[in-house]
Amino acid sequence: MRKLLSLFVLLFFSHAVDAAFGDYFLDKSLRIDYFHTGDWQSEMYSIDKLIEEPYWGGTKTNLIDPFDY
């Protein structure tokens, strides 16, 4: 049973690593413009604009962060 479970986990994660950028993402970005305001007692975030950028600024080959940021 343990071998079967290990094989299933290995096959599942090997499929996830082979995924291409186009399988899960669009070649776009969503930019969120916001305000961070406050005083000495409180702070507040408020969204100003949501803008759809026509391009993707990141890498399309390394979808998994190797540095765990």
C-alpha atoms as a PDB file:
ATOM      1  CA  MET A   1       0.000   0.000   0.000  1.00  0.00           C
ATOM      2  CA  ARG A   2       2.828   2.379   0.823  1.00  0.00           C
ATOM      3  CA  LYS A   3       4.509   1.738  -2.533  1.00  0.00           C
ATOM      4  CA  LEU A   4       1.259   2.393  -4.366  1.00  0.00           C
ATOM      5  CA  LEU A   5       0.748   5.672  -2.520  1.00  0.00           C
ATOM      6  CA  SER A   6       4.337   6.727  -3.213  1.00  0.00           C
ATOM      7  CA  LEU A   7       3.920   5.944  -6.907  1.00  0.00           C
ATOM      8  CA  PHE A   8       0.692   7.949  -7.070  1.00  0.00           C
ATOM      9  CA  VAL A   9       2.304  10.977  -5.391  1.00  0.00           C
ATOM     10  CA  LEU A  10       5.329  10.765  -7.692  1.00  0.00           C
ATOM     11  CA  LEU A  11       3.165  10.612 -10.823  1.00  0.00           C
ATOM     12  CA  PHE A  12       0.944  13.441  -9.627  1.00  0.00           C
ATOM     13  CA  PHE A  13       3.813  15.826  -8.912  1.00  0.00           C
ATOM     14  CA  SER A  14       5.742  14.928 -12.053  1.00  0.00           C
ATOM     15  CA  HIS A  15       2.673  15.929 -14.084  1.00  0.00           C
ATOM     16  CA  ALA A  16       2.375  19.215 -12.170  1.00  0.00           C
ATOM     17  CA  VAL A  17       6.030  20.104 -12.830  1.00  0.00           C
ATOM     18  CA  ASP A  18       5.691  19.472 -16.581  1.00  0.00           C
ATOM     19  CA  ALA A  19       2.846  21.964 -16.886  1.00  0.00           C
ATOM     20  CA  ALA A  20       3.357  24.744 -19.386  1.00  0.00           C
ATOM     21  CA  PHE A  21       2.618  28.422 -18.794  1.00  0.00           C
ATOM     22  CA  GLY A  22      -0.257  28.432 -21.272  1.00  0.00           C
ATOM     23  CA  ASP A  23      -2.005  25.537 -19.513  1.00  0.00           C
ATOM     24  CA  TYR A  24      -2.858  27.608 -16.434  1.00  0.00           C
ATOM     25  CA  PHE A  25      -2.169  31.281 -17.187  1.00  0.00           C
ATOM     26  CA  LEU A  26      -2.986  33.975 -19.712  1.00  0.00           C
ATOM     27  CA  ASP A  27      -0.308  36.214 -21.193  1.00  0.00           C
ATOM     28  CA  LYS A  28      -1.578  39.154 -19.122  1.00  0.00           C
ATOM     29  CA  SER A  29      -1.088  40.755 -15.710  1.00  0.00           C
ATOM     30  CA  LEU A  30      -3.440  42.402 -13.243  1.00  0.00           C
ATOM     31  CA  ARG A  31      -2.071  45.578 -11.696  1.00  0.00           C
ATOM     32  CA  ILE A  32      -3.685  46.734  -8.465  1.00  0.00           C
ATOM     33  CA  ASP A  33      -3.246  50.406  -7.582  1.00  0.00           C
ATOM     34  CA  TYR A  34      -4.035  51.087  -3.941  1.00  0.00           C
ATOM     35  CA  PHE A  35      -3.698  53.705  -1.209  1.00  0.00           C
ATOM     36  CA  HIS A  36      -2.202  52.961   2.193  1.00  0.00           C
ATOM     37  CA  THR A  37      -3.316  55.689   4.595  1.00  0.00           C
ATOM     38  CA  GLY A  38      -3.518  56.113   8.316  1.00  0.00           C
ATOM     39  CA  ASP A  39      -2.421  57.884  11.445  1.00  0.00           C
ATOM     40  CA  TRP A  40      -0.931  56.879  14.753  1.00  0.00           C
ATOM     41  CA  GLN A  41      -4.062  54.959  15.793  1.00  0.00           C
ATOM     42  CA  SER A  42      -5.151  53.153  12.639  1.00  0.00           C
ATOM     43  CA  GLU A  43      -4.298  52.352   9.066  1.00  0.00           C
ATOM     44  CA  MET A  44      -6.388  51.539   6.029  1.00  0.00           C
ATOM     45  CA  TYR A  45      -5.891  50.117   2.537  1.00  0.00           C
ATOM     46  CA  SER A  46      -8.200  51.119  -0.278  1.00  0.00           C
ATOM     47  CA  ILE A  47      -8.153  49.940  -3.892  1.00  0.00           C
ATOM     48  CA  ASP A  48      -7.939  52.746  -6.430  1.00  0.00           C
ATOM     49  CA  LYS A  49      -7.836  50.905  -9.766  1.00  0.00           C
ATOM     50  CA  LEU A  50      -7.607  47.421 -11.241  1.00  0.00           C
ATOM     51  CA  ILE A  51      -5.778  47.530 -14.560  1.00  0.00           C
ATOM     52  CA  GLU A  52      -5.345  44.646 -16.970  1.00  0.00           C
ATOM     53  CA  GLU A  53      -1.861  44.859 -18.472  1.00  0.00           C
ATOM     54  CA  PRO A  54      -1.496  43.311 -21.960  1.00  0.00           C
ATOM     55  CA  TYR A  55       1.706  41.409 -21.137  1.00  0.00           C
ATOM     56  CA  TRP A  56       3.162  39.068 -18.521  1.00  0.00           C
ATOM     57  CA  GLY A  57       6.262  40.465 -16.827  1.00  0.00           C
ATOM     58  CA  GLY A  58       7.568  37.270 -15.247  1.00  0.00           C
ATOM     59  CA  THR A  59       9.203  34.117 -16.454  1.00  0.00           C
ATOM     60  CA  LYS A  60       7.173  31.596 -18.429  1.00  0.00           C
ATOM     61  CA  THR A  61       9.567  28.689 -17.923  1.00  0.00           C
ATOM     62  CA  ASN A  62      10.234  28.589 -14.147  1.00  0.00           C
ATOM     63  CA  LEU A  63       6.695  28.430 -12.772  1.00  0.00           C
ATOM     64  CA  ILE A  64       7.783  27.029  -9.423  1.00  0.00           C
ATOM     65  CA  ASP A  65       9.856  29.408  -7.290  1.00  0.00           C
ATOM     66  CA  PRO A  66      13.146  27.622  -6.500  1.00  0.00           C
ATOM     67  CA  PHE A  67      13.965  30.041  -3.654  1.00  0.00           C
ATOM     68  CA  ASP A  68      10.617  29.685  -1.792  1.00  0.00           C
ATOM     69  CA  TYR A  69       9.969  33.434  -1.595  1.00  0.00           C
END
